Amino acid sequence: MTDLLVPDADGRQSIRPAIVCDNLVKIYQVDDLEAIALQGLDLVVEHGEFVAIVGASGSGKSTLLSILGGLDVPSAGTAQVDGLDLLQMTGAERTRYRRGVVGFVAQQTSRNLIPYLTAVENVEVPLRLAGRSRKARRVTATMLLDQVGLADRLHHRPRETVSYTHLTLPTTSALCRS
């Protein structure tokens, strides 16, 4: 993450927004057909703000989240998260960004968990990808599961847990980035 303080237009220090999208455009092209998923989107999200992204089907919600999550690249405009320019990132930089900065919880709950891993092992996956030691992974995953009320489910597999756990576990795994 880059410095939170940046000079404003008057040269004074101010806190840089968490997310900045300026005139963001995403066009999908298949053969001769173009589909505009985002057209000139402007968005500023400050640190500590909670934002809900709502809209009709096909309005670009998933496209925006895919861009901010480093899964997709905008066609034009600016997309920055914590001062990182997502449009200028190489593929390797985007991979590091996805592993170390963002966490995902898919709408289809079946995509969120690896069925043959236990709860603690599922939460450890992003920590393993980030290169954390086995002991550090276990300590962090156990602590996070305890914080969300799943300490008694550490060694249960997804099929052995109640349905609300199928969203709590991947959310806990996504929190491992912080």
Foldseek 3Di string as FASTA:
>chain_A
DDDQWDQDPVRDTDGAFQKWWAQFWAWDDDDPDIDTQDGGDTDTHHPPDDDDDDDDPSNNPVVVVCQQLLNDETPDTFIDGPRDTSNPDDPVRSVCCNLQPFADCDPPLVVQADQVAFLLVSLLVSVVVVVHDPVVSNVLSCVLCVVLPNNVRRRPGPVRDDDVVSRVSSVSSRVVND
